[in-house]
Protein backbone atom coordinates (compact mmCIF):
# COMPACT_ATOMS: atom_id res chain seq x y z
CA MET A 1 -21.34 -25.19 -21.12
CA LYS A 2 -22.45 -22.89 -23.94
CA LYS A 3 -25.66 -22.08 -22.11
CA LYS A 4 -23.77 -21.20 -18.95
CA SER A 5 -21.35 -18.95 -20.87
CA PHE A 6 -24.26 -17.18 -22.53
CA ILE A 7 -25.92 -16.49 -19.17
CA VAL A 8 -22.68 -15.07 -17.72
CA PHE A 9 -22.19 -12.88 -20.81
CA LEU A 10 -25.77 -11.63 -20.57
CA PHE A 11 -25.32 -10.81 -16.89
CA ILE A 12 -22.11 -8.83 -17.51
CA ALA A 13 -23.73 -6.94 -20.39
CA LEU A 14 -26.71 -6.07 -18.19
CA LEU A 15 -24.49 -4.73 -15.41
CA PHE A 16 -22.39 -2.71 -17.85
CA SER A 17 -25.42 -1.12 -19.49
CA SER A 18 -27.00 -0.35 -16.12
CA PHE A 19 -23.91 1.37 -14.74
CA SER A 20 -23.47 3.25 -18.02
CA PHE A 21 -27.02 4.49 -17.66
CA LEU A 22 -26.32 5.63 -14.12
CA VAL A 23 -23.25 7.68 -14.95
CA LYS A 24 -24.51 8.93 -18.28
CA GLY A 25 -25.43 12.59 -18.02
CA GLU A 26 -27.62 14.85 -20.06
CA THR A 27 -26.34 18.23 -21.16
CA THR A 28 -28.69 21.04 -20.25
CA THR A 29 -28.54 24.74 -21.07
CA GLU A 30 -30.40 27.16 -18.85
CA THR A 31 -30.80 30.89 -19.33
CA VAL A 32 -30.42 32.57 -15.96
CA LEU A 33 -30.26 36.20 -17.05
CA GLU A 34 -32.12 37.65 -19.99
CA GLU A 35 -33.96 40.66 -18.64
CA TYR A 36 -31.31 43.23 -17.82
CA ASP A 37 -33.66 45.24 -15.60
CA ILE A 38 -33.47 42.56 -12.88
CA ILE A 39 -29.80 43.34 -12.26
CA PHE A 40 -29.09 44.99 -8.95
CA GLU A 41 -27.36 48.36 -8.98
CA TRP A 42 -24.88 49.25 -6.28
CA GLY A 43 -23.16 52.51 -7.05
CA TYR A 44 -21.49 52.06 -10.40
CA VAL A 45 -21.65 48.27 -10.21
CA TYR A 46 -24.45 46.22 -11.67
CA TYR A 47 -24.59 42.62 -10.55
CA PHE A 48 -26.70 39.51 -10.67
CA SER A 49 -26.54 36.69 -8.09
CA GLU A 50 -27.11 33.10 -9.13
CA LYS A 51 -26.18 29.62 -7.90
CA THR A 52 -24.51 27.27 -10.35
CA PRO A 53 -26.53 24.04 -10.67
CA ALA A 54 -23.61 21.59 -10.89
CA GLU A 55 -19.89 21.08 -10.72
CA GLN A 56 -18.11 22.14 -13.90
CA THR A 57 -20.74 24.62 -15.06
CA GLU A 58 -19.96 26.36 -18.32
CA VAL A 59 -21.07 30.00 -18.27
CA THR A 60 -21.79 31.90 -21.47
CA LEU A 61 -22.23 35.66 -21.44
CA GLU A 62 -23.61 37.59 -24.38
CA ILE A 63 -23.40 41.35 -23.89
CA SER A 64 -23.69 44.53 -25.88
CA SER A 65 -22.44 47.84 -24.53
CA ASP A 66 -21.55 51.20 -26.05
CA GLN A 67 -18.46 51.47 -23.86
CA THR A 68 -15.91 48.96 -22.67
CA LEU A 69 -16.57 47.77 -19.15
CA LEU A 70 -15.24 45.28 -16.62
CA PHE A 71 -16.98 42.00 -15.96
CA PHE A 72 -16.11 39.70 -13.08
CA VAL A 73 -17.44 36.74 -11.10
CA SER A 74 -17.03 36.71 -7.33
CA ASP A 75 -18.53 35.16 -4.23
CA GLU A 76 -22.10 36.12 -3.50
CA GLY A 77 -22.13 39.53 -1.77
CA ASP A 78 -18.67 40.59 -2.90
CA ALA A 79 -19.97 42.76 -5.74
CA GLU A 80 -21.21 45.32 -3.24
CA ASN A 81 -17.93 45.05 -1.32
CA TYR A 82 -16.11 45.80 -4.56
CA ALA A 83 -18.31 48.84 -5.15
CA ASP A 84 -17.45 50.03 -1.63
CA GLY A 85 -13.77 49.92 -2.51
CA GLU A 86 -12.84 46.64 -0.83
CA GLU A 87 -10.53 44.06 -2.33
CA ILE A 88 -12.24 40.83 -3.29
CA ASP A 89 -11.37 37.46 -4.81
CA VAL A 90 -12.67 36.84 -8.29
CA TYR A 91 -13.15 33.58 -10.19
CA TYR A 92 -13.25 35.18 -13.61
CA VAL A 93 -12.53 38.70 -14.88
CA ASN A 94 -12.47 40.45 -18.25
CA TYR A 95 -11.45 44.11 -18.45
CA ASN A 96 -12.52 44.92 -22.01
CA VAL A 97 -16.09 43.82 -22.46
CA LEU A 98 -17.94 45.58 -25.25
CA VAL A 99 -20.01 43.69 -27.83
CA THR A 100 -18.92 40.13 -27.37
CA THR A 101 -19.65 36.60 -26.20
CA LEU A 102 -17.63 35.19 -23.31
CA SER A 103 -17.40 31.58 -22.20
CA PHE A 104 -15.75 30.17 -19.10
CA VAL A 105 -16.15 27.35 -16.56
CA LEU A 106 -16.91 27.57 -12.84
CA ASP A 107 -15.67 24.51 -10.94
CA GLU A 108 -17.83 24.65 -7.83
CA LYS A 109 -21.54 24.36 -7.18
CA ARG A 110 -22.22 27.54 -5.22
CA SER A 111 -23.72 31.04 -5.39
CA TYR A 112 -21.80 33.73 -7.31
CA ASP A 113 -22.12 37.41 -8.15
CA PHE A 114 -21.90 38.18 -11.85
CA ALA A 115 -20.99 41.84 -11.87
CA PHE A 116 -20.39 44.68 -14.36
CA ASP A 117 -18.35 47.74 -13.57
CA ASN A 118 -20.06 50.21 -15.90
CA THR A 119 -17.48 52.99 -15.54
CA ASN A 120 -14.51 52.71 -17.88
CA SER A 121 -11.00 54.01 -17.21
CA GLU A 122 -12.00 57.47 -18.44
CA GLY A 123 -14.92 57.68 -16.05
CA VAL A 124 -17.57 57.40 -18.73
CA ASP A 125 -20.64 55.36 -17.86
CA ALA A 126 -21.38 52.49 -20.23
CA ASN A 127 -24.87 51.88 -21.52
CA ILE A 128 -25.58 48.16 -21.65
CA SER A 129 -28.10 47.25 -24.33
CA TYR A 130 -28.50 43.64 -23.25
CA ALA A 131 -26.76 41.01 -21.18
CA ILE A 132 -27.64 37.33 -21.39
CA ILE A 133 -26.10 34.67 -19.14
CA ARG A 134 -26.56 30.97 -19.78
CA PHE A 135 -25.48 27.94 -17.76
CA THR A 136 -24.56 24.71 -19.56
CA TYR A 137 -24.02 21.68 -17.39
CA GLU A 138 -24.43 17.91 -17.25
CA VAL A 139 -26.99 16.29 -15.01
CA THR A 140 -27.59 12.64 -14.15
CA ASN A 141 -30.97 11.13 -14.82
CA THR A 142 -31.68 10.63 -11.12
CA SER A 143 -35.39 10.03 -11.65
CA SER A 144 -34.63 6.59 -13.15
CA ASN A 145 -31.78 5.58 -10.88
CA TRP A 146 -33.96 3.45 -8.64
CA ILE A 147 -35.14 1.39 -11.63
CA VAL A 148 -31.54 0.69 -12.60
CA TRP A 149 -30.64 -0.40 -9.07
CA VAL A 150 -33.65 -2.74 -8.98
CA ILE A 151 -32.48 -4.32 -12.25
CA ILE A 152 -28.93 -4.75 -10.94
CA ILE A 153 -30.07 -6.30 -7.64
CA ALA A 154 -32.48 -8.64 -9.44
CA ALA A 155 -29.72 -9.73 -11.83
CA VAL A 156 -27.30 -10.45 -8.98
CA VAL A 157 -29.91 -12.43 -7.02
CA GLY A 158 -30.88 -14.37 -10.14
CA LEU A 159 -27.26 -15.30 -10.86
CA VAL A 160 -26.70 -16.49 -7.28
CA VAL A 161 -29.86 -18.62 -7.36
CA LEU A 162 -28.83 -20.09 -10.71
CA ILE A 163 -25.41 -21.08 -9.36
CA ILE A 164 -26.96 -22.69 -6.24
CA VAL A 165 -29.49 -24.70 -8.28
CA LYS A 166 -26.79 -25.73 -10.73
CA ARG A 167 -24.58 -27.07 -7.96
CA SER A 168 -27.42 -28.87 -6.20
CA LYS A 169 -28.21 -30.85 -9.37
CA GLN A 170 -24.70 -32.09 -9.82
CA THR A 171 -24.21 -35.76 -8.71
CA PRO A 172 -20.88 -36.34 -7.07
CA ALA A 173 -18.75 -38.84 -8.96
CA LYS A 174 -18.03 -42.15 -7.26
CA TYR A 175 -14.45 -42.60 -6.32
CA ALA A 176 -12.82 -45.95 -5.91
CA PRO A 177 -9.42 -46.03 -4.27
CA PRO A 178 -6.70 -47.62 -6.36
CA PRO A 179 -5.77 -51.23 -5.49
CA GLN A 180 -3.04 -51.66 -2.99
CA TYR A 181 0.00 -53.63 -4.07
CA SER A 182 2.41 -55.17 -1.56
CA SER A 183 6.07 -54.93 -2.28
CA TYR A 184 7.81 -58.06 -3.50
CA ASP A 185 10.43 -59.16 -1.04
CA THR A 186 12.88 -61.49 -2.75
CA SER A 187 14.69 -62.20 0.50
CA SER A 188 11.68 -64.02 1.93
CA THR A 189 10.84 -66.03 -1.19
CA VAL A 190 11.35 -69.74 -0.87
CA HIS A 191 12.80 -71.25 -4.04
CA GLN A 192 11.79 -74.89 -4.54
CA THR A 193 13.87 -77.26 -6.71
CA TYR A 194 12.02 -79.75 -8.86
CA GLN A 195 13.38 -83.32 -8.75
CA GLN A 196 12.42 -86.15 -11.08
CA PRO A 197 10.91 -88.97 -9.04
CA VAL A 198 13.40 -91.82 -8.50
CA THR A 199 12.46 -95.28 -9.71
CA PRO A 200 13.55 -98.12 -7.38
CA SER A 201 16.53 -100.06 -8.92
CA LYS A 202 18.91 -102.99 -8.43
CA TYR A 203 22.68 -102.83 -8.68
CA CYS A 204 24.70 -105.54 -10.35
CA THR A 205 27.36 -106.88 -7.95
CA ASN A 206 29.39 -108.03 -10.90
CA CYS A 207 29.69 -104.89 -13.00
CA GLY A 208 27.95 -102.23 -10.87
CA ALA A 209 25.29 -101.38 -13.50
CA THR A 210 21.85 -100.17 -12.42
CA ASN A 211 18.90 -102.35 -13.35
CA GLU A 212 15.19 -102.21 -12.75
CA GLU A 213 13.95 -103.54 -9.47
CA ASN A 214 12.09 -106.52 -11.00
CA ALA A 215 14.98 -107.49 -13.35
CA MET A 216 16.37 -111.01 -12.85
CA PHE A 217 19.59 -110.62 -14.84
CA CYS A 218 21.91 -107.65 -15.37
CA THR A 219 21.24 -105.90 -18.64
CA ASN A 220 24.94 -105.02 -18.88
CA CYS A 221 26.88 -108.22 -18.12
CA GLY A 222 24.11 -110.81 -17.95
CA ALA A 223 24.98 -111.90 -14.41
CA LYS A 224 22.15 -113.04 -12.21
CA LEU A 225 20.86 -110.42 -9.86
CA SER A 226 20.17 -111.33 -6.33
């Protein structure tokens, strides 16, 4: 019994650790923009297009500028539409970027434009000294997933085989049916009466006393018995 419980516990622990390994992610930080000269220029808008590597990607922007500027994140291609005067949807916007570090999260895995409007409200162009964008996200160790699945399948097959072998070795207990008892019917029972055997005797004609069969005279009155 203890051995069987230990095997079941070991199997559950193995499954738990395997699934934990599958879902456990590794946090990775990737610098996607460090050289500012690779930013595209469209009119007064500078932008950089990049695809987020995962769901729930944390974006960190480090920037230094001599004038406040506007920073926004939009769908890929919308930065140029914004520069052309069109209205666009943005996923993040900050209107007063100067020398600062920004951090925000993008929920979808897709391509975005990270754009800077380098003209402030007074029409003065901003000079950006540097702009660094980093992605921080969690990835699953997919390279080892197949090993985990092999371990899980092997553990399941092993447990099934163990149960089958265990059952095949068990000898079925012999079963004897309980004895059958008939009901006691008092109505059909014959009651016999015991009677003392009767000894043959002679009766005295004189006094009526009972005497033994071989007696010659009455033991009561002394008369002769016939």
